[in-house]
PDB file of all heavy atoms in Angstrom:
ATOM      1  N   GLU A   1      -6.815   8.130  10.682  1.00  0.00           N
ATOM      2  CA  GLU A   1      -8.087   8.961  10.847  1.00  0.00           C
ATOM      3  C   GLU A   1      -8.014   9.777  12.094  1.00  0.00           C
ATOM      4  O   GLU A   1      -8.348  11.062  12.076  1.00  0.00           O
ATOM      5  CB  GLU A   1      -9.288   8.015  10.822  1.00  0.00           C
ATOM      6  CG  GLU A   1     -10.534   8.783  10.964  1.00  0.00           C
ATOM      7  CD  GLU A   1     -11.745   7.803  10.984  1.00  0.00           C
ATOM      8  OE1 GLU A   1     -11.579   6.610  10.836  1.00  0.00           O
ATOM      9  OE2 GLU A   1     -12.900   8.302  11.248  1.00  0.00           O
ATOM     10  N   PHE A   2      -7.654   9.266  13.203  1.00  0.00           N
ATOM     11  CA  PHE A   2      -7.656  10.060  14.381  1.00  0.00           C
ATOM     12  C   PHE A   2      -6.459  11.143  14.342  1.00  0.00           C
ATOM     13  O   PHE A   2      -6.547  12.147  14.826  1.00  0.00           O
ATOM     14  CB  PHE A   2      -7.456   9.157  15.673  1.00  0.00           C
ATOM     15  CG  PHE A   2      -7.559   9.943  16.909  1.00  0.00           C
ATOM     16  CD1 PHE A   2      -8.646  10.617  17.317  1.00  0.00           C
ATOM     17  CD2 PHE A   2      -6.457  10.018  17.788  1.00  0.00           C
ATOM     18  CE1 PHE A   2      -8.782  11.411  18.486  1.00  0.00           C
ATOM     19  CE2 PHE A   2      -6.470  10.634  18.998  1.00  0.00           C
ATOM     20  CZ  PHE A   2      -7.658  11.341  19.271  1.00  0.00           C
ATOM     21  N   ALA A   3      -5.371  10.586  13.729  1.00  0.00           N
ATOM     22  CA  ALA A   3      -4.263  11.640  13.694  1.00  0.00           C
ATOM     23  C   ALA A   3      -4.673  12.830  12.812  1.00  0.00           C
ATOM     24  O   ALA A   3      -4.339  13.987  13.161  1.00  0.00           O
ATOM     25  CB  ALA A   3      -3.055  10.955  12.839  1.00  0.00           C
ATOM     26  N   ARG A   4      -5.469  12.643  11.680  1.00  0.00           N
ATOM     27  CA  ARG A   4      -5.988  13.771  10.968  1.00  0.00           C
ATOM     28  C   ARG A   4      -6.832  14.711  11.729  1.00  0.00           C
ATOM     29  O   ARG A   4      -6.769  15.963  11.579  1.00  0.00           O
ATOM     30  CB  ARG A   4      -6.832  13.217   9.781  1.00  0.00           C
ATOM     31  CG  ARG A   4      -7.463  14.205   8.872  1.00  0.00           C
ATOM     32  CD  ARG A   4      -6.437  15.286   8.377  1.00  0.00           C
ATOM     33  NE  ARG A   4      -5.397  14.597   7.484  1.00  0.00           N
ATOM     34  CZ  ARG A   4      -4.254  15.172   7.290  1.00  0.00           C
ATOM     35  NH1 ARG A   4      -3.895  16.351   7.766  1.00  0.00           N
ATOM     36  NH2 ARG A   4      -3.369  14.591   6.509  1.00  0.00           N
ATOM     37  N   ARG A   5      -7.667  14.106  12.716  1.00  0.00           N
ATOM     38  CA  ARG A   5      -8.481  14.945  13.536  1.00  0.00           C
ATOM     39  C   ARG A   5      -7.572  15.800  14.462  1.00  0.00           C
ATOM     40  O   ARG A   5      -7.901  17.009  14.567  1.00  0.00           O
ATOM     41  CB  ARG A   5      -9.398  14.100  14.378  1.00  0.00           C
ATOM     42  CG  ARG A   5     -10.523  13.474  13.765  1.00  0.00           C
ATOM     43  CD  ARG A   5     -11.382  12.549  14.602  1.00  0.00           C
ATOM     44  NE  ARG A   5     -12.031  13.304  15.716  1.00  0.00           N
ATOM     45  CZ  ARG A   5     -12.511  12.707  16.776  1.00  0.00           C
ATOM     46  NH1 ARG A   5     -12.468  11.495  16.889  1.00  0.00           N
ATOM     47  NH2 ARG A   5     -13.138  13.529  17.730  1.00  0.00           N
ATOM     48  N   CYS A   6      -6.572  15.192  14.971  1.00  0.00           N
ATOM     49  CA  CYS A   6      -5.670  15.934  15.783  1.00  0.00           C
ATOM     50  C   CYS A   6      -4.856  16.978  15.132  1.00  0.00           C
ATOM     51  O   CYS A   6      -4.732  18.193  15.542  1.00  0.00           O
ATOM     52  CB  CYS A   6      -4.662  15.013  16.584  1.00  0.00           C
ATOM     53  SG  CYS A   6      -5.516  13.802  17.765  1.00  0.00           S
ATOM     54  N   LEU A   7      -4.385  16.590  13.943  1.00  0.00           N
ATOM     55  CA  LEU A   7      -3.599  17.586  13.059  1.00  0.00           C
ATOM     56  C   LEU A   7      -4.407  18.684  12.715  1.00  0.00           C
ATOM     57  O   LEU A   7      -3.912  19.885  12.805  1.00  0.00           O
ATOM     58  CB  LEU A   7      -2.989  16.869  11.924  1.00  0.00           C
ATOM     59  CG  LEU A   7      -1.908  15.752  12.323  1.00  0.00           C
ATOM     60  CD1 LEU A   7      -1.710  14.933  11.140  1.00  0.00           C
ATOM     61  CD2 LEU A   7      -0.662  16.306  12.835  1.00  0.00           C
ATOM     62  N   ASP A   8      -5.674  18.502  12.354  1.00  0.00           N
ATOM     63  CA  ASP A   8      -6.535  19.575  11.874  1.00  0.00           C
ATOM     64  C   ASP A   8      -6.862  20.500  13.002  1.00  0.00           C
ATOM     65  O   ASP A   8      -7.040  21.654  12.791  1.00  0.00           O
ATOM     66  CB  ASP A   8      -7.821  18.984  11.271  1.00  0.00           C
ATOM     67  CG  ASP A   8      -7.665  18.317   9.872  1.00  0.00           C
ATOM     68  OD1 ASP A   8      -6.547  18.529   9.256  1.00  0.00           O
ATOM     69  OD2 ASP A   8      -8.492  17.607   9.398  1.00  0.00           O
ATOM     70  N   ALA A   9      -6.843  19.969  14.212  1.00  0.00           N
ATOM     71  CA  ALA A   9      -7.119  20.779  15.444  1.00  0.00           C
ATOM     72  C   ALA A   9      -5.925  21.554  15.844  1.00  0.00           C
ATOM     73  O   ALA A   9      -5.971  22.485  16.738  1.00  0.00           O
ATOM     74  CB  ALA A   9      -7.566  20.010  16.493  1.00  0.00           C
ATOM     75  N   GLY A  10      -4.704  21.338  15.251  1.00  0.00           N
ATOM     76  CA  GLY A  10      -3.387  22.000  15.476  1.00  0.00           C
ATOM     77  C   GLY A  10      -2.612  21.436  16.585  1.00  0.00           C
ATOM     78  O   GLY A  10      -1.725  21.884  17.056  1.00  0.00           O
ATOM     79  N   TYR A  11      -2.950  20.148  16.992  1.00  0.00           N
ATOM     80  CA  TYR A  11      -2.336  19.445  18.027  1.00  0.00           C
ATOM     81  C   TYR A  11      -0.985  18.799  17.448  1.00  0.00           C
ATOM     82  O   TYR A  11      -0.875  18.565  16.282  1.00  0.00           O
ATOM     83  CB  TYR A  11      -3.111  18.420  18.674  1.00  0.00           C
ATOM     84  CG  TYR A  11      -4.428  18.863  19.225  1.00  0.00           C
ATOM     85  CD1 TYR A  11      -5.543  18.093  19.266  1.00  0.00           C
ATOM     86  CD2 TYR A  11      -4.587  20.146  19.677  1.00  0.00           C
ATOM     87  CE1 TYR A  11      -6.800  18.503  19.803  1.00  0.00           C
ATOM     88  CE2 TYR A  11      -5.731  20.581  20.346  1.00  0.00           C
ATOM     89  CZ  TYR A  11      -6.855  19.810  20.297  1.00  0.00           C
ATOM     90  OH  TYR A  11      -8.074  20.211  20.759  1.00  0.00           O
ATOM     91  N   VAL A  12       0.007  18.582  18.395  1.00  0.00           N
ATOM     92  CA  VAL A  12       1.176  18.024  18.075  1.00  0.00           C
ATOM     93  C   VAL A  12       1.218  16.475  18.403  1.00  0.00           C
ATOM     94  O   VAL A  12       0.785  16.178  19.484  1.00  0.00           O
ATOM     95  CB  VAL A  12       2.311  18.717  18.677  1.00  0.00           C
ATOM     96  CG1 VAL A  12       3.747  18.001  18.441  1.00  0.00           C
ATOM     97  CG2 VAL A  12       2.373  20.161  18.189  1.00  0.00           C
ATOM     98  N   LEU A  13       1.702  15.648  17.457  1.00  0.00           N
ATOM     99  CA  LEU A  13       1.742  14.163  17.825  1.00  0.00           C
ATOM    100  C   LEU A  13       3.187  13.883  18.202  1.00  0.00           C
ATOM    101  O   LEU A  13       4.168  14.347  17.708  1.00  0.00           O
ATOM    102  CB  LEU A  13       1.430  13.364  16.584  1.00  0.00           C
ATOM    103  CG  LEU A  13       0.011  13.787  15.855  1.00  0.00           C
ATOM    104  CD1 LEU A  13      -0.247  12.691  14.765  1.00  0.00           C
ATOM    105  CD2 LEU A  13      -1.083  13.880  16.869  1.00  0.00           C
ATOM    106  N   SER A  14       3.256  13.014  19.273  1.00  0.00           N
ATOM    107  CA  SER A  14       4.518  12.548  19.742  1.00  0.00           C
ATOM    108  C   SER A  14       4.646  11.029  19.514  1.00  0.00           C
ATOM    109  O   SER A  14       3.895  10.261  20.015  1.00  0.00           O
ATOM    110  CB  SER A  14       4.861  12.828  21.242  1.00  0.00           C
ATOM    111  OG  SER A  14       6.151  12.565  21.680  1.00  0.00           O
ATOM    112  N   PHE A  15       5.688  10.637  18.584  1.00  0.00           N
ATOM    113  CA  PHE A  15       5.854   9.225  18.247  1.00  0.00           C
ATOM    114  C   PHE A  15       6.978   8.575  19.098  1.00  0.00           C
ATOM    115  O   PHE A  15       8.040   9.121  19.212  1.00  0.00           O
ATOM    116  CB  PHE A  15       6.101   9.179  16.851  1.00  0.00           C
ATOM    117  CG  PHE A  15       5.024   9.496  15.883  1.00  0.00           C
ATOM    118  CD1 PHE A  15       5.047  10.658  15.152  1.00  0.00           C
ATOM    119  CD2 PHE A  15       3.901   8.684  15.779  1.00  0.00           C
ATOM    120  CE1 PHE A  15       3.987  10.975  14.340  1.00  0.00           C
ATOM    121  CE2 PHE A  15       2.862   9.132  14.985  1.00  0.00           C
ATOM    122  CZ  PHE A  15       2.922  10.256  14.238  1.00  0.00           C
ATOM    123  N   ALA A  16       6.518   7.517  19.785  1.00  0.00           N
ATOM    124  CA  ALA A  16       7.394   6.763  20.656  1.00  0.00           C
ATOM    125  C   ALA A  16       7.861   5.541  19.842  1.00  0.00           C
ATOM    126  O   ALA A  16       7.619   5.358  18.624  1.00  0.00           O
ATOM    127  CB  ALA A  16       6.700   6.274  21.852  1.00  0.00           C
ATOM    128  N   GLY A  17       8.585   4.578  20.471  1.00  0.00           N
ATOM    129  CA  GLY A  17       9.079   3.297  19.921  1.00  0.00           C
ATOM    130  C   GLY A  17       8.081   2.555  19.227  1.00  0.00           C
ATOM    131  O   GLY A  17       8.335   1.684  18.303  1.00  0.00           O
ATOM    132  N   THR A  18       6.830   2.639  19.679  1.00  0.00           N
ATOM    133  CA  THR A  18       5.626   1.852  19.131  1.00  0.00           C
ATOM    134  C   THR A  18       5.552   2.119  17.578  1.00  0.00           C
ATOM    135  O   THR A  18       5.106   1.213  16.928  1.00  0.00           O
ATOM    136  CB  THR A  18       4.380   2.294  19.867  1.00  0.00           C
ATOM    137  OG1 THR A  18       4.359   3.659  19.927  1.00  0.00           O
ATOM    138  CG2 THR A  18       4.388   1.629  21.282  1.00  0.00           C
ATOM    139  N   VAL A  19       5.916   3.229  17.127  1.00  0.00           N
ATOM    140  CA  VAL A  19       5.702   3.478  15.639  1.00  0.00           C
ATOM    141  C   VAL A  19       6.700   2.564  14.801  1.00  0.00           C
ATOM    142  O   VAL A  19       6.487   2.397  13.739  1.00  0.00           O
ATOM    143  CB  VAL A  19       6.034   4.965  15.369  1.00  0.00           C
ATOM    144  CG1 VAL A  19       7.461   5.355  15.318  1.00  0.00           C
ATOM    145  CG2 VAL A  19       5.368   5.314  14.034  1.00  0.00           C
ATOM    146  N   THR A  20       7.699   2.003  15.525  1.00  0.00           N
ATOM    147  CA  THR A  20       8.698   1.088  14.750  1.00  0.00           C
ATOM    148  C   THR A  20       8.187  -0.277  14.761  1.00  0.00           C
ATOM    149  O   THR A  20       8.877  -1.174  14.135  1.00  0.00           O
ATOM    150  CB  THR A  20      10.134   1.239  15.406  1.00  0.00           C
ATOM    151  OG1 THR A  20      10.052   0.514  16.684  1.00  0.00           O
ATOM    152  CG2 THR A  20      10.550   2.611  15.618  1.00  0.00           C
ATOM    153  N   PHE A  21       7.182  -0.600  15.533  1.00  0.00           N
ATOM    154  CA  PHE A  21       6.791  -2.003  15.481  1.00  0.00           C
ATOM    155  C   PHE A  21       6.130  -2.333  14.224  1.00  0.00           C
ATOM    156  O   PHE A  21       5.268  -1.645  13.634  1.00  0.00           O
ATOM    157  CB  PHE A  21       5.748  -2.197  16.645  1.00  0.00           C
ATOM    158  CG  PHE A  21       6.310  -1.946  18.007  1.00  0.00           C
ATOM    159  CD1 PHE A  21       5.476  -1.953  19.123  1.00  0.00           C
ATOM    160  CD2 PHE A  21       7.622  -1.730  18.284  1.00  0.00           C
ATOM    161  CE1 PHE A  21       5.861  -1.672  20.430  1.00  0.00           C
ATOM    162  CE2 PHE A  21       8.174  -1.477  19.562  1.00  0.00           C
ATOM    163  CZ  PHE A  21       7.256  -1.514  20.680  1.00  0.00           C
ATOM    164  N   LYS A  22       6.395  -3.529  13.762  1.00  0.00           N
ATOM    165  CA  LYS A  22       5.971  -3.964  12.358  1.00  0.00           C
ATOM    166  C   LYS A  22       4.391  -4.056  12.292  1.00  0.00           C
ATOM    167  O   LYS A  22       3.844  -3.805  11.188  1.00  0.00           O
ATOM    168  CB  LYS A  22       6.539  -5.308  12.075  1.00  0.00           C
ATOM    169  CG  LYS A  22       8.113  -5.337  11.852  1.00  0.00           C
ATOM    170  CD  LYS A  22       8.670  -6.653  11.537  1.00  0.00           C
ATOM    171  CE  LYS A  22      10.243  -6.580  11.415  1.00  0.00           C
ATOM    172  NZ  LYS A  22      10.770  -7.831  11.057  1.00  0.00           N
ATOM    173  N   ASN A  23       3.719  -4.307  13.314  1.00  0.00           N
ATOM    174  CA  ASN A  23       2.312  -4.544  13.118  1.00  0.00           C
ATOM    175  C   ASN A  23       1.591  -3.336  13.487  1.00  0.00           C
ATOM    176  O   ASN A  23       0.313  -3.219  13.529  1.00  0.00           O
ATOM    177  CB  ASN A  23       1.746  -5.663  14.162  1.00  0.00           C
ATOM    178  CG  ASN A  23       2.108  -5.394  15.677  1.00  0.00           C
ATOM    179  OD1 ASN A  23       2.913  -4.407  15.883  1.00  0.00           O
ATOM    180  ND2 ASN A  23       1.672  -6.179  16.530  1.00  0.00           N
ATOM    181  N   ALA A  24       2.247  -2.159  13.697  1.00  0.00           N
ATOM    182  CA  ALA A  24       1.560  -0.936  14.091  1.00  0.00           C
ATOM    183  C   ALA A  24       1.116  -0.097  12.732  1.00  0.00           C
ATOM    184  O   ALA A  24       1.596   1.069  12.601  1.00  0.00           O
ATOM    185  CB  ALA A  24       2.568  -0.102  15.002  1.00  0.00           C
ATOM    186  N   ARG A  25       0.256  -0.644  12.014  1.00  0.00           N
ATOM    187  CA  ARG A  25      -0.064  -0.065  10.758  1.00  0.00           C
ATOM    188  C   ARG A  25      -0.743   1.271  10.842  1.00  0.00           C
ATOM    189  O   ARG A  25      -0.570   2.225  10.106  1.00  0.00           O
ATOM    190  CB  ARG A  25      -0.928  -1.074   9.967  1.00  0.00           C
ATOM    191  CG  ARG A  25      -0.157  -2.349   9.501  1.00  0.00           C
ATOM    192  CD  ARG A  25      -0.949  -3.264   8.479  1.00  0.00           C
ATOM    193  NE  ARG A  25      -0.216  -4.443   8.239  1.00  0.00           N
ATOM    194  CZ  ARG A  25      -0.147  -5.474   8.966  1.00  0.00           C
ATOM    195  NH1 ARG A  25      -0.863  -5.553  10.175  1.00  0.00           N
ATOM    196  NH2 ARG A  25       0.521  -6.622   8.565  1.00  0.00           N
ATOM    197  N   GLY A  26      -1.614   1.423  11.875  1.00  0.00           N
ATOM    198  CA  GLY A  26      -2.283   2.524  12.074  1.00  0.00           C
ATOM    199  C   GLY A  26      -1.349   3.729  12.457  1.00  0.00           C
ATOM    200  O   GLY A  26      -1.434   4.912  11.985  1.00  0.00           O
ATOM    201  N   LEU A  27      -0.405   3.450  13.292  1.00  0.00           N
ATOM    202  CA  LEU A  27       0.608   4.431  13.668  1.00  0.00           C
ATOM    203  C   LEU A  27       1.515   4.828  12.460  1.00  0.00           C
ATOM    204  O   LEU A  27       1.874   5.876  12.255  1.00  0.00           O
ATOM    205  CB  LEU A  27       1.567   3.911  14.789  1.00  0.00           C
ATOM    206  CG  LEU A  27       1.011   4.041  16.146  1.00  0.00           C
ATOM    207  CD1 LEU A  27       2.108   3.376  17.215  1.00  0.00           C
ATOM    208  CD2 LEU A  27       0.827   5.404  16.538  1.00  0.00           C
ATOM    209  N   HIS A  28       1.928   3.771  11.537  1.00  0.00           N
ATOM    210  CA  HIS A  28       2.523   4.112  10.433  1.00  0.00           C
ATOM    211  C   HIS A  28       1.862   5.128   9.487  1.00  0.00           C
ATOM    212  O   HIS A  28       2.457   6.150   8.957  1.00  0.00           O
ATOM    213  CB  HIS A  28       2.925   2.745   9.560  1.00  0.00           C
ATOM    214  CG  HIS A  28       3.642   1.807  10.267  1.00  0.00           C
ATOM    215  ND1 HIS A  28       3.729   0.444   9.957  1.00  0.00           N
ATOM    216  CD2 HIS A  28       4.291   1.889  11.458  1.00  0.00           C
ATOM    217  CE1 HIS A  28       4.511  -0.202  10.766  1.00  0.00           C
ATOM    218  NE2 HIS A  28       4.833   0.620  11.675  1.00  0.00           N
ATOM    219  N   ASP A  29       0.493   4.891   9.375  1.00  0.00           N
ATOM    220  CA  ASP A  29      -0.246   5.810   8.638  1.00  0.00           C
ATOM    221  C   ASP A  29      -0.266   7.219   9.226  1.00  0.00           C
ATOM    222  O   ASP A  29      -0.143   8.291   8.511  1.00  0.00           O
ATOM    223  CB  ASP A  29      -1.777   5.321   8.460  1.00  0.00           C
ATOM    224  CG  ASP A  29      -1.963   4.102   7.687  1.00  0.00           C
ATOM    225  OD1 ASP A  29      -0.994   3.753   6.916  1.00  0.00           O
ATOM    226  OD2 ASP A  29      -2.979   3.374   7.885  1.00  0.00           O
ATOM    227  N   ALA A  30      -0.416   7.242  10.509  1.00  0.00           N
ATOM    228  CA  ALA A  30      -0.395   8.571  11.132  1.00  0.00           C
ATOM    229  C   ALA A  30       1.019   9.270  11.065  1.00  0.00           C
ATOM    230  O   ALA A  30       0.963  10.516  10.758  1.00  0.00           O
ATOM    231  CB  ALA A  30      -0.621   8.366  12.699  1.00  0.00           C
ATOM    232  N   ALA A  31       2.035   8.566  11.091  1.00  0.00           N
ATOM    233  CA  ALA A  31       3.277   9.170  10.996  1.00  0.00           C
ATOM    234  C   ALA A  31       3.619   9.661   9.485  1.00  0.00           C
ATOM    235  O   ALA A  31       4.268  10.702   9.246  1.00  0.00           O
ATOM    236  CB  ALA A  31       4.417   8.172  11.318  1.00  0.00           C
ATOM    237  N   ARG A  32       3.023   8.919   8.562  1.00  0.00           N
ATOM    238  CA  ARG A  32       3.168   9.358   7.180  1.00  0.00           C
ATOM    239  C   ARG A  32       2.535  10.678   6.832  1.00  0.00           C
ATOM    240  O   ARG A  32       2.908  11.427   6.041  1.00  0.00           O
ATOM    241  CB  ARG A  32       2.752   8.276   6.218  1.00  0.00           C
ATOM    242  CG  ARG A  32       3.556   6.995   6.129  1.00  0.00           C
ATOM    243  CD  ARG A  32       3.168   6.101   4.999  1.00  0.00           C
ATOM    244  NE  ARG A  32       3.896   4.851   4.939  1.00  0.00           N
ATOM    245  CZ  ARG A  32       3.549   3.717   5.503  1.00  0.00           C
ATOM    246  NH1 ARG A  32       2.371   3.645   6.027  1.00  0.00           N
ATOM    247  NH2 ARG A  32       4.225   2.604   5.368  1.00  0.00           N
ATOM    248  N   ILE A  33       1.301  10.880   7.415  1.00  0.00           N
ATOM    249  CA  ILE A  33       0.578  11.996   7.099  1.00  0.00           C
ATOM    250  C   ILE A  33       0.883  13.309   7.938  1.00  0.00           C
ATOM    251  O   ILE A  33       0.414  14.339   7.629  1.00  0.00           O
ATOM    252  CB  ILE A  33      -1.033  11.792   7.152  1.00  0.00           C
ATOM    253  CG1 ILE A  33      -1.456  11.488   8.590  1.00  0.00           C
ATOM    254  CG2 ILE A  33      -1.345  10.551   6.247  1.00  0.00           C
ATOM    255  CD1 ILE A  33      -2.917  11.469   8.734  1.00  0.00           C
ATOM    256  N   SER A  34       1.646  13.107   8.976  1.00  0.00           N
ATOM    257  CA  SER A  34       1.990  14.214   9.878  1.00  0.00           C
ATOM    258  C   SER A  34       2.997  15.162   9.217  1.00  0.00           C
ATOM    259  O   SER A  34       4.052  14.825   8.840  1.00  0.00           O
ATOM    260  CB  SER A  34       2.561  13.689  11.113  1.00  0.00           C
ATOM    261  OG  SER A  34       1.644  12.932  11.836  1.00  0.00           O
ATOM    262  N   PRO A  35       2.548  16.430   9.065  1.00  0.00           N
ATOM    263  CA  PRO A  35       3.517  17.316   8.458  1.00  0.00           C
ATOM    264  C   PRO A  35       4.663  17.629   9.303  1.00  0.00           C
ATOM    265  O   PRO A  35       4.668  17.648  10.533  1.00  0.00           O
ATOM    266  CB  PRO A  35       2.709  18.617   8.377  1.00  0.00           C
ATOM    267  CG  PRO A  35       1.296  18.366   8.773  1.00  0.00           C
ATOM    268  CD  PRO A  35       1.240  17.043   9.479  1.00  0.00           C
ATOM    269  N   LEU A  36       5.853  17.947   8.669  1.00  0.00           N
ATOM    270  CA  LEU A  36       7.028  18.375   9.435  1.00  0.00           C
ATOM    271  C   LEU A  36       6.579  19.650  10.219  1.00  0.00           C
ATOM    272  O   LEU A  36       5.914  20.467   9.608  1.00  0.00           O
ATOM    273  CB  LEU A  36       8.122  18.762   8.486  1.00  0.00           C
ATOM    274  CG  LEU A  36       8.780  17.534   7.744  1.00  0.00           C
ATOM    275  CD1 LEU A  36       9.823  18.022   6.765  1.00  0.00           C
ATOM    276  CD2 LEU A  36       9.352  16.432   8.633  1.00  0.00           C
ATOM    277  N   GLY A  37       7.010  19.714  11.428  1.00  0.00           N
ATOM    278  CA  GLY A  37       6.505  20.839  12.303  1.00  0.00           C
ATOM    279  C   GLY A  37       5.386  20.510  13.170  1.00  0.00           C
ATOM    280  O   GLY A  37       5.013  21.266  14.017  1.00  0.00           O
ATOM    281  N   GLN A  38       4.790  19.317  12.953  1.00  0.00           N
ATOM    282  CA  GLN A  38       3.569  18.888  13.811  1.00  0.00           C
ATOM    283  C   GLN A  38       3.786  17.675  14.506  1.00  0.00           C
ATOM    284  O   GLN A  38       2.884  16.994  14.970  1.00  0.00           O
ATOM    285  CB  GLN A  38       2.374  18.911  12.977  1.00  0.00           C
ATOM    286  CG  GLN A  38       1.082  19.429  13.846  1.00  0.00           C
ATOM    287  CD  GLN A  38      -0.076  19.838  12.990  1.00  0.00           C
ATOM    288  OE1 GLN A  38      -0.025  20.007  11.701  1.00  0.00           O
ATOM    289  NE2 GLN A  38      -1.209  19.812  13.589  1.00  0.00           N
ATOM    290  N   PHE A  39       5.007  17.125  14.611  1.00  0.00           N
ATOM    291  CA  PHE A  39       5.309  15.927  15.414  1.00  0.00           C
ATOM    292  C   PHE A  39       6.721  15.998  16.050  1.00  0.00           C
ATOM    293  O   PHE A  39       7.522  16.636  15.597  1.00  0.00           O
ATOM    294  CB  PHE A  39       5.117  14.717  14.544  1.00  0.00           C
ATOM    295  CG  PHE A  39       6.087  14.338  13.483  1.00  0.00           C
ATOM    296  CD1 PHE A  39       7.259  13.733  13.685  1.00  0.00           C
ATOM    297  CD2 PHE A  39       5.863  14.909  12.170  1.00  0.00           C
ATOM    298  CE1 PHE A  39       8.263  13.492  12.694  1.00  0.00           C
ATOM    299  CE2 PHE A  39       6.768  14.743  11.154  1.00  0.00           C
ATOM    300  CZ  PHE A  39       8.070  13.995  11.448  1.00  0.00           C
ATOM    301  N   VAL A  40       6.703  15.343  17.198  1.00  0.00           N
ATOM    302  CA  VAL A  40       8.040  15.257  17.877  1.00  0.00           C
ATOM    303  C   VAL A  40       8.222  13.640  18.098  1.00  0.00           C
ATOM    304  O   VAL A  40       7.531  12.824  17.648  1.00  0.00           O
ATOM    305  CB  VAL A  40       8.045  15.935  19.187  1.00  0.00           C
ATOM    306  CG1 VAL A  40       8.022  17.458  18.936  1.00  0.00           C
ATOM    307  CG2 VAL A  40       6.853  15.515  20.083  1.00  0.00           C
ATOM    308  N   VAL A  41       9.401  13.393  18.768  1.00  0.00           N
ATOM    309  CA  VAL A  41       9.748  11.986  18.931  1.00  0.00           C
ATOM    310  C   VAL A  41      10.117  11.825  20.420  1.00  0.00           C
ATOM    311  O   VAL A  41      10.728  12.736  20.995  1.00  0.00           O
ATOM    312  CB  VAL A  41      10.984  11.669  18.037  1.00  0.00           C
ATOM    313  CG1 VAL A  41      11.427  10.208  18.461  1.00  0.00           C
ATOM    314  CG2 VAL A  41      10.620  11.686  16.554  1.00  0.00           C
ATOM    315  N   GLU A  42       9.791  10.719  20.993  1.00  0.00           N
ATOM    316  CA  GLU A  42      10.014  10.441  22.460  1.00  0.00           C
ATOM    317  C   GLU A  42      10.395   9.018  22.604  1.00  0.00           C
ATOM    318  O   GLU A  42      10.217   8.109  21.700  1.00  0.00           O
ATOM    319  CB  GLU A  42       8.771  10.746  23.169  1.00  0.00           C
ATOM    320  CG  GLU A  42       7.578   9.852  22.762  1.00  0.00           C
ATOM    321  CD  GLU A  42       6.393   9.904  23.791  1.00  0.00           C
ATOM    322  OE1 GLU A  42       5.512  10.767  23.573  1.00  0.00           O
ATOM    323  OE2 GLU A  42       6.390   9.170  24.753  1.00  0.00           O
ATOM    324  N   THR A  43      10.816   8.668  23.762  1.00  0.00           N
ATOM    325  CA  THR A  43      11.138   7.295  24.150  1.00  0.00           C
ATOM    326  C   THR A  43      10.100   6.718  25.125  1.00  0.00           C
ATOM    327  O   THR A  43       9.799   5.589  25.029  1.00  0.00           O
ATOM    328  CB  THR A  43      12.573   7.102  24.811  1.00  0.00           C
ATOM    329  OG1 THR A  43      12.555   7.965  26.022  1.00  0.00           O
ATOM    330  CG2 THR A  43      13.607   7.425  23.957  1.00  0.00           C
TER     331      THR A  43
END
């Protein structure tokens, strides 16, 4: 839900290693809905 707010505003999301954690369901949802071109990856 918060990812959608950020994406609709034109912001870029940066996904760290936390997105790989098994219990990070909210982050998994955010990563699935982020369009190519609107997210980067970091450590």
